[in-house]
Amino acid sequence: MSYDYQYVTLRLVPRVEREEFVNVGVVLYSQEAEFLRGDFELREERARALAPDLDLEAVRASLEAVCRVAAGEHSPSTPRLDRLGPRFGWLSAPRSTIVQPGPVHGGTTEDPAATLEHLMRILVS
């Protein structure tokens, strides 16, 4: 069976005013497959190339929070979103923070988890 999906690339934007970024993760959502998951890879050398004084632990914490929200975990600093669609909407909404979602893209897949891994390889690694 084939499922429609949407995804956003997570971007590390250390200096918003410079509009420079490096891809650090992906969030993939498929309503039909009841799938919403995020993954990230923070490569220190790439991040430091854009901002040598970057607080990598704060960036990692932000990326971990995105993945926790995608997984449905709740915390005091994130909204309580029980359904996948609104959760993806919140995760894919533009923000002026150091970790920003890129534009929403879509496709079809037979295996959302494998597609997430594939997108991580081609967009982040």
PDB file of N, CA and C in Angstrom:
ATOM      1  N   MET A   1       0.835  -1.178   0.000  1.00  0.00           N
ATOM      2  CA  MET A   1       0.000   0.000   0.000  1.00  0.00           C
ATOM      3  C   MET A   1       0.884   1.246   0.000  1.00  0.00           C
ATOM      4  N   SER A   2       0.465   2.240  -0.719  1.00  0.00           N
ATOM      5  CA  SER A   2       1.206   3.483  -0.821  1.00  0.00           C
ATOM      6  C   SER A   2       0.516   4.562   0.012  1.00  0.00           C
ATOM      7  N   TYR A   3       1.321   5.348   0.734  1.00  0.00           N
ATOM      8  CA  TYR A   3       0.811   6.394   1.612  1.00  0.00           C
ATOM      9  C   TYR A   3       1.327   7.762   1.153  1.00  0.00           C
ATOM     10  N   ASP A   4       0.467   8.753   1.189  1.00  0.00           N
ATOM     11  CA  ASP A   4       0.907  10.128   0.986  1.00  0.00           C
ATOM     12  C   ASP A   4       1.616  10.584   2.250  1.00  0.00           C
ATOM     13  N   TYR A   5       2.621  11.439   2.079  1.00  0.00           N
ATOM     14  CA  TYR A   5       3.301  12.003   3.237  1.00  0.00           C
ATOM     15  C   TYR A   5       3.709  13.440   2.954  1.00  0.00           C
ATOM     16  N   GLN A   6       4.008  14.138   4.025  1.00  0.00           N
ATOM     17  CA  GLN A   6       4.575  15.480   3.978  1.00  0.00           C
ATOM     18  C   GLN A   6       5.788  15.486   4.893  1.00  0.00           C
ATOM     19  N   TYR A   7       6.754  16.334   4.549  1.00  0.00           N
ATOM     20  CA  TYR A   7       7.915  16.460   5.434  1.00  0.00           C
ATOM     21  C   TYR A   7       8.452  17.880   5.395  1.00  0.00           C
ATOM     22  N   VAL A   8       9.156  18.223   6.453  1.00  0.00           N
ATOM     23  CA  VAL A   8       9.935  19.453   6.505  1.00  0.00           C
ATOM     24  C   VAL A   8      11.361  19.094   6.899  1.00  0.00           C
ATOM     25  N   THR A   9      12.281  19.835   6.339  1.00  0.00           N
ATOM     26  CA  THR A   9      13.675  19.738   6.745  1.00  0.00           C
ATOM     27  C   THR A   9      13.882  20.708   7.901  1.00  0.00           C
ATOM     28  N   LEU A  10      14.557  20.263   8.929  1.00  0.00           N
ATOM     29  CA  LEU A  10      14.896  21.136  10.051  1.00  0.00           C
ATOM     30  C   LEU A  10      16.226  21.810   9.750  1.00  0.00           C
ATOM     31  N   ARG A  11      16.237  23.114   9.883  1.00  0.00           N
ATOM     32  CA  ARG A  11      17.414  23.897   9.542  1.00  0.00           C
ATOM     33  C   ARG A  11      18.010  24.562  10.774  1.00  0.00           C
ATOM     34  N   LEU A  12      19.311  24.504  10.870  1.00  0.00           N
ATOM     35  CA  LEU A  12      20.032  25.245  11.895  1.00  0.00           C
ATOM     36  C   LEU A  12      20.364  26.612  11.299  1.00  0.00           C
ATOM     37  N   VAL A  13      19.811  27.658  11.903  1.00  0.00           N
ATOM     38  CA  VAL A  13      19.990  29.033  11.418  1.00  0.00           C
ATOM     39  C   VAL A  13      20.602  29.844  12.561  1.00  0.00           C
ATOM     40  N   PRO A  14      21.928  29.794  12.702  1.00  0.00           N
ATOM     41  CA  PRO A  14      22.544  30.434  13.863  1.00  0.00           C
ATOM     42  C   PRO A  14      22.415  31.954  13.892  1.00  0.00           C
ATOM     43  N   ARG A  15      22.399  32.567  12.719  1.00  0.00           N
ATOM     44  CA  ARG A  15      22.248  34.026  12.631  1.00  0.00           C
ATOM     45  C   ARG A  15      21.125  34.319  11.653  1.00  0.00           C
ATOM     46  N   VAL A  16      19.944  34.505  12.188  1.00  0.00           N
ATOM     47  CA  VAL A  16      18.746  34.664  11.367  1.00  0.00           C
ATOM     48  C   VAL A  16      18.925  35.780  10.346  1.00  0.00           C
ATOM     49  N   GLU A  17      19.571  36.855  10.741  1.00  0.00           N
ATOM     50  CA  GLU A  17      19.732  37.997   9.846  1.00  0.00           C
ATOM     51  C   GLU A  17      20.601  37.689   8.621  1.00  0.00           C
ATOM     52  N   ARG A  18      21.460  36.679   8.699  1.00  0.00           N
ATOM     53  CA  ARG A  18      22.315  36.316   7.566  1.00  0.00           C
ATOM     54  C   ARG A  18      21.644  35.335   6.618  1.00  0.00           C
ATOM     55  N   GLU A  19      20.567  34.712   7.068  1.00  0.00           N
ATOM     56  CA  GLU A  19      19.808  33.751   6.263  1.00  0.00           C
ATOM     57  C   GLU A  19      20.656  32.566   5.786  1.00  0.00           C
ATOM     58  N   GLU A  20      21.686  32.225   6.544  1.00  0.00           N
ATOM     59  CA  GLU A  20      22.501  31.046   6.259  1.00  0.00           C
ATOM     60  C   GLU A  20      22.000  29.906   7.126  1.00  0.00           C
ATOM     61  N   PHE A  21      22.002  28.699   6.578  1.00  0.00           N
ATOM     62  CA  PHE A  21      21.548  27.555   7.362  1.00  0.00           C
ATOM     63  C   PHE A  21      22.233  26.287   6.897  1.00  0.00           C
ATOM     64  N   VAL A  22      22.132  25.290   7.759  1.00  0.00           N
ATOM     65  CA  VAL A  22      22.569  23.941   7.426  1.00  0.00           C
ATOM     66  C   VAL A  22      21.444  23.005   7.859  1.00  0.00           C
ATOM     67  N   ASN A  23      21.145  22.016   7.016  1.00  0.00           N
ATOM     68  CA  ASN A  23      20.102  21.041   7.348  1.00  0.00           C
ATOM     69  C   ASN A  23      20.584  20.135   8.464  1.00  0.00           C
ATOM     70  N   VAL A  24      19.726  19.950   9.474  1.00  0.00           N
ATOM     71  CA  VAL A  24      20.112  19.129  10.621  1.00  0.00           C
ATOM     72  C   VAL A  24      19.087  18.040  10.958  1.00  0.00           C
ATOM     73  N   GLY A  25      17.938  18.035  10.293  1.00  0.00           N
ATOM     74  CA  GLY A  25      16.940  17.026  10.625  1.00  0.00           C
ATOM     75  C   GLY A  25      15.782  17.035   9.656  1.00  0.00           C
ATOM     76  N   VAL A  26      14.874  16.094   9.880  1.00  0.00           N
ATOM     77  CA  VAL A  26      13.674  15.946   9.055  1.00  0.00           C
ATOM     78  C   VAL A  26      12.530  15.516   9.964  1.00  0.00           C
ATOM     79  N   VAL A  27      11.339  16.056   9.703  1.00  0.00           N
ATOM     80  CA  VAL A  27      10.106  15.594  10.344  1.00  0.00           C
ATOM     81  C   VAL A  27       9.197  15.108   9.226  1.00  0.00           C
ATOM     82  N   LEU A  28       8.738  13.863   9.324  1.00  0.00           N
ATOM     83  CA  LEU A  28       7.887  13.266   8.297  1.00  0.00           C
ATOM     84  C   LEU A  28       6.539  12.888   8.900  1.00  0.00           C
ATOM     85  N   TYR A  29       5.477  13.224   8.157  1.00  0.00           N
ATOM     86  CA  TYR A  29       4.102  12.996   8.609  1.00  0.00           C
ATOM     87  C   TYR A  29       3.308  12.315   7.508  1.00  0.00           C
ATOM     88  N   SER A  30       2.596  11.250   7.861  1.00  0.00           N
ATOM     89  CA  SER A  30       1.646  10.606   6.961  1.00  0.00           C
ATOM     90  C   SER A  30       0.370  10.336   7.736  1.00  0.00           C
ATOM     91  N   GLN A  31      -0.674  11.051   7.359  1.00  0.00           N
ATOM     92  CA  GLN A  31      -1.960  10.857   8.026  1.00  0.00           C
ATOM     93  C   GLN A  31      -2.476   9.453   7.776  1.00  0.00           C
ATOM     94  N   GLU A  32      -2.384   8.984   6.526  1.00  0.00           N
ATOM     95  CA  GLU A  32      -2.909   7.659   6.162  1.00  0.00           C
ATOM     96  C   GLU A  32      -2.206   6.533   6.923  1.00  0.00           C
ATOM     97  N   ALA A  33      -0.899   6.690   7.135  1.00  0.00           N
ATOM     98  CA  ALA A  33      -0.123   5.664   7.832  1.00  0.00           C
ATOM     99  C   ALA A  33      -0.093   5.890   9.339  1.00  0.00           C
ATOM    100  N   GLU A  34      -0.724   6.970   9.806  1.00  0.00           N
ATOM    101  CA  GLU A  34      -0.690   7.345  11.221  1.00  0.00           C
ATOM    102  C   GLU A  34       0.747   7.393  11.731  1.00  0.00           C
ATOM    103  N   PHE A  35       1.559   8.175  11.002  1.00  0.00           N
ATOM    104  CA  PHE A  35       2.993   8.240  11.258  1.00  0.00           C
ATOM    105  C   PHE A  35       3.418   9.690  11.393  1.00  0.00           C
ATOM    106  N   LEU A  36       4.130  10.006  12.454  1.00  0.00           N
ATOM    107  CA  LEU A  36       4.766  11.305  12.633  1.00  0.00           C
ATOM    108  C   LEU A  36       6.030  11.072  13.443  1.00  0.00           C
ATOM    109  N   ARG A  37       7.149  11.394  12.823  1.00  0.00           N
ATOM    110  CA  ARG A  37       8.415  11.164  13.513  1.00  0.00           C
ATOM    111  C   ARG A  37       9.444  12.185  13.022  1.00  0.00           C
ATOM    112  N   GLY A  38      10.330  12.554  13.906  1.00  0.00           N
ATOM    113  CA  GLY A  38      11.445  13.421  13.559  1.00  0.00           C
ATOM    114  C   GLY A  38      12.757  12.735  13.860  1.00  0.00           C
ATOM    115  N   ASP A  39      13.778  13.146  13.139  1.00  0.00           N
ATOM    116  CA  ASP A  39      15.126  12.639  13.374  1.00  0.00           C
ATOM    117  C   ASP A  39      16.099  13.778  13.083  1.00  0.00           C
ATOM    118  N   PHE A  40      17.260  13.729  13.690  1.00  0.00           N
ATOM    119  CA  PHE A  40      18.245  14.771  13.445  1.00  0.00           C
ATOM    120  C   PHE A  40      19.652  14.225  13.582  1.00  0.00           C
ATOM    121  N   GLU A  41      20.578  14.958  12.983  1.00  0.00           N
ATOM    122  CA  GLU A  41      22.009  14.695  13.125  1.00  0.00           C
ATOM    123  C   GLU A  41      22.695  16.050  13.187  1.00  0.00           C
ATOM    124  N   LEU A  42      23.236  16.369  14.332  1.00  0.00           N
ATOM    125  CA  LEU A  42      23.920  17.644  14.522  1.00  0.00           C
ATOM    126  C   LEU A  42      25.417  17.408  14.364  1.00  0.00           C
ATOM    127  N   ARG A  43      25.961  17.874  13.243  1.00  0.00           N
ATOM    128  CA  ARG A  43      27.384  17.710  12.960  1.00  0.00           C
ATOM    129  C   ARG A  43      28.112  18.982  13.402  1.00  0.00           C
ATOM    130  N   GLU A  44      28.918  18.816  14.425  1.00  0.00           N
ATOM    131  CA  GLU A  44      29.564  19.956  15.063  1.00  0.00           C
ATOM    132  C   GLU A  44      30.371  20.796  14.083  1.00  0.00           C
ATOM    133  N   GLU A  45      31.153  20.160  13.210  1.00  0.00           N
ATOM    134  CA  GLU A  45      32.012  20.921  12.304  1.00  0.00           C
ATOM    135  C   GLU A  45      31.204  21.788  11.329  1.00  0.00           C
ATOM    136  N   ARG A  46      30.071  21.284  10.878  1.00  0.00           N
ATOM    137  CA  ARG A  46      29.221  22.065   9.972  1.00  0.00           C
ATOM    138  C   ARG A  46      28.583  23.230  10.716  1.00  0.00           C
ATOM    139  N   ALA A  47      28.125  22.980  11.934  1.00  0.00           N
ATOM    140  CA  ALA A  47      27.505  24.041  12.727  1.00  0.00           C
ATOM    141  C   ALA A  47      28.523  25.127  13.073  1.00  0.00           C
ATOM    142  N   ARG A  48      29.707  24.714  13.466  1.00  0.00           N
ATOM    143  CA  ARG A  48      30.757  25.679  13.845  1.00  0.00           C
ATOM    144  C   ARG A  48      31.239  26.496  12.645  1.00  0.00           C
ATOM    145  N   ALA A  49      31.113  25.954  11.441  1.00  0.00           N
ATOM    146  CA  ALA A  49      31.495  26.712  10.246  1.00  0.00           C
ATOM    147  C   ALA A  49      30.610  27.949  10.083  1.00  0.00           C
ATOM    148  N   LEU A  50      29.358  27.848  10.487  1.00  0.00           N
ATOM    149  CA  LEU A  50      28.446  28.993  10.398  1.00  0.00           C
ATOM    150  C   LEU A  50      28.536  29.912  11.609  1.00  0.00           C
ATOM    151  N   ALA A  51      28.807  29.311  12.762  1.00  0.00           N
ATOM    152  CA  ALA A  51      28.819  30.109  14.000  1.00  0.00           C
ATOM    153  C   ALA A  51      29.770  29.449  15.001  1.00  0.00           C
ATOM    154  N   PRO A  52      31.017  29.886  15.031  1.00  0.00           N
ATOM    155  CA  PRO A  52      32.007  29.261  15.916  1.00  0.00           C
ATOM    156  C   PRO A  52      31.633  29.261  17.390  1.00  0.00           C
ATOM    157  N   ASP A  53      30.854  30.237  17.831  1.00  0.00           N
ATOM    158  CA  ASP A  53      30.514  30.343  19.247  1.00  0.00           C
ATOM    159  C   ASP A  53      29.142  29.764  19.579  1.00  0.00           C
ATOM    160  N   LEU A  54      28.599  28.963  18.701  1.00  0.00           N
ATOM    161  CA  LEU A  54      27.259  28.397  18.859  1.00  0.00           C
ATOM    162  C   LEU A  54      27.174  27.467  20.072  1.00  0.00           C
ATOM    163  N   ASP A  55      26.089  27.575  20.817  1.00  0.00           N
ATOM    164  CA  ASP A  55      25.825  26.700  21.961  1.00  0.00           C
ATOM    165  C   ASP A  55      25.204  25.404  21.427  1.00  0.00           C
ATOM    166  N   LEU A  56      26.050  24.429  21.142  1.00  0.00           N
ATOM    167  CA  LEU A  56      25.582  23.179  20.539  1.00  0.00           C
ATOM    168  C   LEU A  56      24.649  22.398  21.445  1.00  0.00           C
ATOM    169  N   GLU A  57      24.825  22.500  22.745  1.00  0.00           N
ATOM    170  CA  GLU A  57      23.934  21.788  23.664  1.00  0.00           C
ATOM    171  C   GLU A  57      22.517  22.365  23.600  1.00  0.00           C
ATOM    172  N   ALA A  58      22.400  23.670  23.463  1.00  0.00           N
ATOM    173  CA  ALA A  58      21.075  24.290  23.331  1.00  0.00           C
ATOM    174  C   ALA A  58      20.426  23.882  22.008  1.00  0.00           C
ATOM    175  N   VAL A  59      21.221  23.811  20.950  1.00  0.00           N
ATOM    176  CA  VAL A  59      20.698  23.373  19.650  1.00  0.00           C
ATOM    177  C   VAL A  59      20.225  21.928  19.745  1.00  0.00           C
ATOM    178  N   ARG A  60      21.047  21.074  20.341  1.00  0.00           N
ATOM    179  CA  ARG A  60      20.682  19.664  20.500  1.00  0.00           C
ATOM    180  C   ARG A  60      19.398  19.532  21.321  1.00  0.00           C
ATOM    181  N   ALA A  61      19.269  20.333  22.364  1.00  0.00           N
ATOM    182  CA  ALA A  61      18.055  20.298  23.190  1.00  0.00           C
ATOM    183  C   ALA A  61      16.831  20.701  22.372  1.00  0.00           C
ATOM    184  N   SER A  62      16.967  21.694  21.510  1.00  0.00           N
ATOM    185  CA  SER A  62      15.851  22.110  20.652  1.00  0.00           C
ATOM    186  C   SER A  62      15.462  21.003  19.686  1.00  0.00           C
ATOM    187  N   LEU A  63      16.448  20.359  19.091  1.00  0.00           N
ATOM    188  CA  LEU A  63      16.168  19.264  18.153  1.00  0.00           C
ATOM    189  C   LEU A  63      15.532  18.073  18.864  1.00  0.00           C
ATOM    190  N   GLU A  64      16.006  17.771  20.052  1.00  0.00           N
ATOM    191  CA  GLU A  64      15.398  16.692  20.836  1.00  0.00           C
ATOM    192  C   GLU A  64      13.956  17.030  21.190  1.00  0.00           C
ATOM    193  N   ALA A  65      13.680  18.292  21.487  1.00  0.00           N
ATOM    194  CA  ALA A  65      12.314  18.709  21.798  1.00  0.00           C
ATOM    195  C   ALA A  65      11.400  18.527  20.585  1.00  0.00           C
ATOM    196  N   VAL A  66      11.882  18.859  19.411  1.00  0.00           N
ATOM    197  CA  VAL A  66      11.099  18.647  18.187  1.00  0.00           C
ATOM    198  C   VAL A  66      10.751  17.171  18.045  1.00  0.00           C
ATOM    199  N   CYS A  67      11.722  16.303  18.240  1.00  0.00           N
ATOM    200  CA  CYS A  67      11.483  14.865  18.106  1.00  0.00           C
ATOM    201  C   CYS A  67      10.518  14.360  19.176  1.00  0.00           C
ATOM    202  N   ARG A  68      10.601  14.903  20.378  1.00  0.00           N
ATOM    203  CA  ARG A  68       9.675  14.508  21.441  1.00  0.00           C
ATOM    204  C   ARG A  68       8.247  14.943  21.108  1.00  0.00           C
ATOM    205  N   VAL A  69       8.085  16.153  20.591  1.00  0.00           N
ATOM    206  CA  VAL A  69       6.749  16.620  20.192  1.00  0.00           C
ATOM    207  C   VAL A  69       6.214  15.731  19.078  1.00  0.00           C
ATOM    208  N   ALA A  70       7.039  15.417  18.102  1.00  0.00           N
ATOM    209  CA  ALA A  70       6.610  14.529  17.008  1.00  0.00           C
ATOM    210  C   ALA A  70       6.142  13.183  17.559  1.00  0.00           C
ATOM    211  N   ALA A  71       6.825  12.698  18.576  1.00  0.00           N
ATOM    212  CA  ALA A  71       6.478  11.409  19.183  1.00  0.00           C
ATOM    213  C   ALA A  71       5.274  11.494  20.109  1.00  0.00           C
ATOM    214  N   GLY A  72       4.777  12.702  20.352  1.00  0.00           N
ATOM    215  CA  GLY A  72       3.596  12.864  21.187  1.00  0.00           C
ATOM    216  C   GLY A  72       3.877  13.094  22.650  1.00  0.00           C
ATOM    217  N   GLU A  73       5.139  13.314  23.002  1.00  0.00           N
ATOM    218  CA  GLU A  73       5.469  13.606  24.394  1.00  0.00           C
ATOM    219  C   GLU A  73       5.107  15.049  24.709  1.00  0.00           C
ATOM    220  N   HIS A  74       4.704  15.284  25.933  1.00  0.00           N
ATOM    221  CA  HIS A  74       4.290  16.620  26.361  1.00  0.00           C
ATOM    222  C   HIS A  74       5.296  17.169  27.365  1.00  0.00           C
ATOM    223  N   SER A  75       5.423  18.499  27.351  1.00  0.00           N
ATOM    224  CA  SER A  75       6.257  19.177  28.344  1.00  0.00           C
ATOM    225  C   SER A  75       5.639  20.537  28.622  1.00  0.00           C
ATOM    226  N   PRO A  76       6.065  21.188  29.679  1.00  0.00           N
ATOM    227  CA  PRO A  76       5.508  22.512  29.988  1.00  0.00           C
ATOM    228  C   PRO A  76       5.779  23.556  28.908  1.00  0.00           C
ATOM    229  N   SER A  77       6.833  23.361  28.113  1.00  0.00           N
ATOM    230  CA  SER A  77       7.202  24.370  27.118  1.00  0.00           C
ATOM    231  C   SER A  77       6.616  24.109  25.727  1.00  0.00           C
ATOM    232  N   THR A  78       5.852  23.040  25.572  1.00  0.00           N
ATOM    233  CA  THR A  78       5.251  22.731  24.271  1.00  0.00           C
ATOM    234  C   THR A  78       3.747  22.546  24.433  1.00  0.00           C
ATOM    235  N   PRO A  79       2.996  22.801  23.368  1.00  0.00           N
ATOM    236  CA  PRO A  79       1.544  22.640  23.480  1.00  0.00           C
ATOM    237  C   PRO A  79       1.148  21.168  23.542  1.00  0.00           C
ATOM    238  N   ARG A  80       0.016  20.912  24.137  1.00  0.00           N
ATOM    239  CA  ARG A  80      -0.504  19.543  24.194  1.00  0.00           C
ATOM    240  C   ARG A  80      -1.315  19.310  22.921  1.00  0.00           C
ATOM    241  N   LEU A  81      -0.748  18.538  22.017  1.00  0.00           N
ATOM    242  CA  LEU A  81      -1.380  18.241  20.736  1.00  0.00           C
ATOM    243  C   LEU A  81      -1.477  16.727  20.592  1.00  0.00           C
ATOM    244  N   ASP A  82      -2.676  16.200  20.770  1.00  0.00           N
ATOM    245  CA  ASP A  82      -2.839  14.759  20.775  1.00  0.00           C
ATOM    246  C   ASP A  82      -2.954  14.155  19.375  1.00  0.00           C
ATOM    247  N   ARG A  83      -3.461  14.916  18.415  1.00  0.00           N
ATOM    248  CA  ARG A  83      -3.617  14.381  17.061  1.00  0.00           C
ATOM    249  C   ARG A  83      -2.387  14.709  16.212  1.00  0.00           C
ATOM    250  N   LEU A  84      -2.066  13.804  15.285  1.00  0.00           N
ATOM    251  CA  LEU A  84      -0.859  13.954  14.478  1.00  0.00           C
ATOM    252  C   LEU A  84      -0.885  15.189  13.586  1.00  0.00           C
ATOM    253  N   GLY A  85      -2.011  15.458  12.926  1.00  0.00           N
ATOM    254  CA  GLY A  85      -2.093  16.580  12.001  1.00  0.00           C
ATOM    255  C   GLY A  85      -1.773  17.919  12.649  1.00  0.00           C
ATOM    256  N   PRO A  86      -2.456  18.261  13.748  1.00  0.00           N
ATOM    257  CA  PRO A  86      -2.120  19.518  14.425  1.00  0.00           C
ATOM    258  C   PRO A  86      -0.681  19.547  14.949  1.00  0.00           C
ATOM    259  N   ARG A  87      -0.175  18.391  15.368  1.00  0.00           N
ATOM    260  CA  ARG A  87       1.201  18.336  15.848  1.00  0.00           C
ATOM    261  C   ARG A  87       2.178  18.647  14.710  1.00  0.00           C
ATOM    262  N   PHE A  88       1.931  18.057  13.519  1.00  0.00           N
ATOM    263  CA  PHE A  88       2.795  18.361  12.382  1.00  0.00           C
ATOM    264  C   PHE A  88       2.657  19.831  11.999  1.00  0.00           C
ATOM    265  N   GLY A  89       1.446  20.349  12.047  1.00  0.00           N
ATOM    266  CA  GLY A  89       1.243  21.770  11.755  1.00  0.00           C
ATOM    267  C   GLY A  89       2.055  22.659  12.667  1.00  0.00           C
ATOM    268  N   TRP A  90       2.088  22.333  13.950  1.00  0.00           N
ATOM    269  CA  TRP A  90       2.871  23.115  14.905  1.00  0.00           C
ATOM    270  C   TRP A  90       4.362  22.993  14.612  1.00  0.00           C
ATOM    271  N   LEU A  91       4.809  21.767  14.303  1.00  0.00           N
ATOM    272  CA  LEU A  91       6.231  21.540  14.030  1.00  0.00           C
ATOM    273  C   LEU A  91       6.689  22.194  12.733  1.00  0.00           C
ATOM    274  N   SER A  92       5.802  22.303  11.759  1.00  0.00           N
ATOM    275  CA  SER A  92       6.180  22.837  10.452  1.00  0.00           C
ATOM    276  C   SER A  92       5.925  24.341  10.323  1.00  0.00           C
ATOM    277  N   ALA A  93       5.407  24.966  11.366  1.00  0.00           N
ATOM    278  CA  ALA A  93       5.135  26.409  11.324  1.00  0.00           C
ATOM    279  C   ALA A  93       6.446  27.194  11.397  1.00  0.00           C
ATOM    280  N   PRO A  94       6.560  28.244  10.590  1.00  0.00           N
ATOM    281  CA  PRO A  94       7.782  29.062  10.612  1.00  0.00           C
ATOM    282  C   PRO A  94       7.983  29.716  11.980  1.00  0.00           C
ATOM    283  N   ARG A  95       9.254  29.807  12.367  1.00  0.00           N
ATOM    284  CA  ARG A  95       9.627  30.441  13.630  1.00  0.00           C
ATOM    285  C   ARG A  95      10.884  31.276  13.417  1.00  0.00           C
ATOM    286  N   SER A  96      11.128  32.179  14.307  1.00  0.00           N
ATOM    287  CA  SER A  96      12.359  32.966  14.269  1.00  0.00           C
ATOM    288  C   SER A  96      13.305  32.451  15.341  1.00  0.00           C
ATOM    289  N   THR A  97      13.544  31.182  15.341  1.00  0.00           N
ATOM    290  CA  THR A  97      14.462  30.587  16.307  1.00  0.00           C
ATOM    291  C   THR A  97      15.660  30.024  15.578  1.00  0.00           C
ATOM    292  N   ILE A  98      16.580  29.485  16.321  1.00  0.00           N
ATOM    293  CA  ILE A  98      17.806  28.951  15.734  1.00  0.00           C
ATOM    294  C   ILE A  98      17.552  27.640  14.974  1.00  0.00           C
ATOM    295  N   VAL A  99      16.512  26.884  15.348  1.00  0.00           N
ATOM    296  CA  VAL A  99      16.104  25.690  14.603  1.00  0.00           C
ATOM    297  C   VAL A  99      14.773  26.013  13.933  1.00  0.00           C
ATOM    298  N   GLN A 100      14.791  26.011  12.594  1.00  0.00           N
ATOM    299  CA  GLN A 100      13.605  26.392  11.834  1.00  0.00           C
ATOM    300  C   GLN A 100      13.206  25.284  10.863  1.00  0.00           C
ATOM    301  N   PRO A 101      11.906  25.101  10.653  1.00  0.00           N
ATOM    302  CA  PRO A 101      11.464  24.168   9.619  1.00  0.00           C
ATOM    303  C   PRO A 101      11.557  24.841   8.254  1.00  0.00           C
ATOM    304  N   GLY A 102      11.948  24.063   7.254  1.00  0.00           N
ATOM    305  CA  GLY A 102      11.919  24.563   5.887  1.00  0.00           C
ATOM    306  C   GLY A 102      10.513  24.417   5.330  1.00  0.00           C
ATOM    307  N   PRO A 103      10.357  24.626   4.028  1.00  0.00           N
ATOM    308  CA  PRO A 103       9.034  24.478   3.408  1.00  0.00           C
ATOM    309  C   PRO A 103       8.532  23.041   3.483  1.00  0.00           C
ATOM    310  N   VAL A 104       7.218  22.886   3.452  1.00  0.00           N
ATOM    311  CA  VAL A 104       6.607  21.556   3.450  1.00  0.00           C
ATOM    312  C   VAL A 104       6.695  20.980   2.039  1.00  0.00           C
ATOM    313  N   HIS A 105       7.161  19.742   1.958  1.00  0.00           N
ATOM    314  CA  HIS A 105       7.216  18.995   0.702  1.00  0.00           C
ATOM    315  C   HIS A 105       6.420  17.714   0.889  1.00  0.00           C
ATOM    316  N   GLY A 106       6.094  17.043  -0.188  1.00  0.00           N
ATOM    317  CA  GLY A 106       5.308  15.817  -0.077  1.00  0.00           C
ATOM    318  C   GLY A 106       5.732  14.758  -1.066  1.00  0.00           C
ATOM    319  N   GLY A 107       5.120  13.603  -0.912  1.00  0.00           N
ATOM    320  CA  GLY A 107       5.386  12.480  -1.793  1.00  0.00           C
ATOM    321  C   GLY A 107       4.527  11.304  -1.406  1.00  0.00           C
ATOM    322  N   THR A 108       4.870  10.146  -1.932  1.00  0.00           N
ATOM    323  CA  THR A 108       4.201   8.902  -1.569  1.00  0.00           C
ATOM    324  C   THR A 108       5.256   7.876  -1.185  1.00  0.00           C
ATOM    325  N   THR A 109       4.873   6.970  -0.312  1.00  0.00           N
ATOM    326  CA  THR A 109       5.795   5.957   0.179  1.00  0.00           C
ATOM    327  C   THR A 109       5.034   4.715   0.592  1.00  0.00           C
ATOM    328  N   GLU A 110       5.712   3.597   0.567  1.00  0.00           N
ATOM    329  CA  GLU A 110       5.149   2.365   1.124  1.00  0.00           C
ATOM    330  C   GLU A 110       5.605   2.160   2.561  1.00  0.00           C
ATOM    331  N   ASP A 111       6.670   2.875   2.949  1.00  0.00           N
ATOM    332  CA  ASP A 111       7.249   2.706   4.282  1.00  0.00           C
ATOM    333  C   ASP A 111       7.719   4.062   4.805  1.00  0.00           C
ATOM    334  N   PRO A 112       6.890   4.754   5.590  1.00  0.00           N
ATOM    335  CA  PRO A 112       7.275   6.085   6.077  1.00  0.00           C
ATOM    336  C   PRO A 112       8.584   6.099   6.865  1.00  0.00           C
ATOM    337  N   ALA A 113       8.836   5.093   7.684  1.00  0.00           N
ATOM    338  CA  ALA A 113      10.079   5.075   8.465  1.00  0.00           C
ATOM    339  C   ALA A 113      11.294   4.984   7.551  1.00  0.00           C
ATOM    340  N   ALA A 114      11.219   4.143   6.525  1.00  0.00           N
ATOM    341  CA  ALA A 114      12.325   4.022   5.572  1.00  0.00           C
ATOM    342  C   ALA A 114      12.500   5.315   4.782  1.00  0.00           C
ATOM    343  N   THR A 115      11.397   5.986   4.473  1.00  0.00           N
ATOM    344  CA  THR A 115      11.478   7.257   3.748  1.00  0.00           C
ATOM    345  C   THR A 115      12.126   8.324   4.622  1.00  0.00           C
ATOM    346  N   LEU A 116      11.804   8.338   5.902  1.00  0.00           N
ATOM    347  CA  LEU A 116      12.457   9.271   6.817  1.00  0.00           C
ATOM    348  C   LEU A 116      13.965   9.032   6.825  1.00  0.00           C
ATOM    349  N   GLU A 117      14.383   7.777   6.916  1.00  0.00           N
ATOM    350  CA  GLU A 117      15.814   7.452   6.884  1.00  0.00           C
ATOM    351  C   GLU A 117      16.445   7.912   5.569  1.00  0.00           C
ATOM    352  N   HIS A 118      15.752   7.683   4.456  1.00  0.00           N
ATOM    353  CA  HIS A 118      16.249   8.090   3.146  1.00  0.00           C
ATOM    354  C   HIS A 118      16.411   9.611   3.079  1.00  0.00           C
ATOM    355  N   LEU A 119      15.397  10.338   3.538  1.00  0.00           N
ATOM    356  CA  LEU A 119      15.467  11.796   3.524  1.00  0.00           C
ATOM    357  C   LEU A 119      16.608  12.300   4.418  1.00  0.00           C
ATOM    358  N   MET A 120      16.820  11.657   5.537  1.00  0.00           N
ATOM    359  CA  MET A 120      17.941  12.036   6.402  1.00  0.00           C
ATOM    360  C   MET A 120      19.264  11.860   5.654  1.00  0.00           C
ATOM    361  N   ARG A 121      19.399  10.751   4.924  1.00  0.00           N
ATOM    362  CA  ARG A 121      20.643  10.506   4.186  1.00  0.00           C
ATOM    363  C   ARG A 121      20.868  11.550   3.100  1.00  0.00           C
ATOM    364  N   ILE A 122      19.837  11.867   2.331  1.00  0.00           N
ATOM    365  CA  ILE A 122      20.061  12.749   1.183  1.00  0.00           C
ATOM    366  C   ILE A 122      20.012  14.242   1.542  1.00  0.00           C
ATOM    367  N   LEU A 123      19.339  14.595   2.622  1.00  0.00           N
ATOM    368  CA  LEU A 123      19.183  16.012   2.965  1.00  0.00           C
ATOM    369  C   LEU A 123      20.071  16.482   4.110  1.00  0.00           C
ATOM    370  N   VAL A 124      20.479  15.565   4.971  1.00  0.00           N
ATOM    371  CA  VAL A 124      21.188  15.970   6.192  1.00  0.00           C
ATOM    372  C   VAL A 124      22.615  15.428   6.253  1.00  0.00           C
ATOM    373  N   SER A 125      22.794  14.177   6.011  1.00  0.00           N
ATOM    374  CA  SER A 125      24.120  13.540   6.178  1.00  0.00           C
ATOM    375  C   SER A 125      25.144  14.007   5.181  1.00  0.00           C
TER     376      SER A 125
END
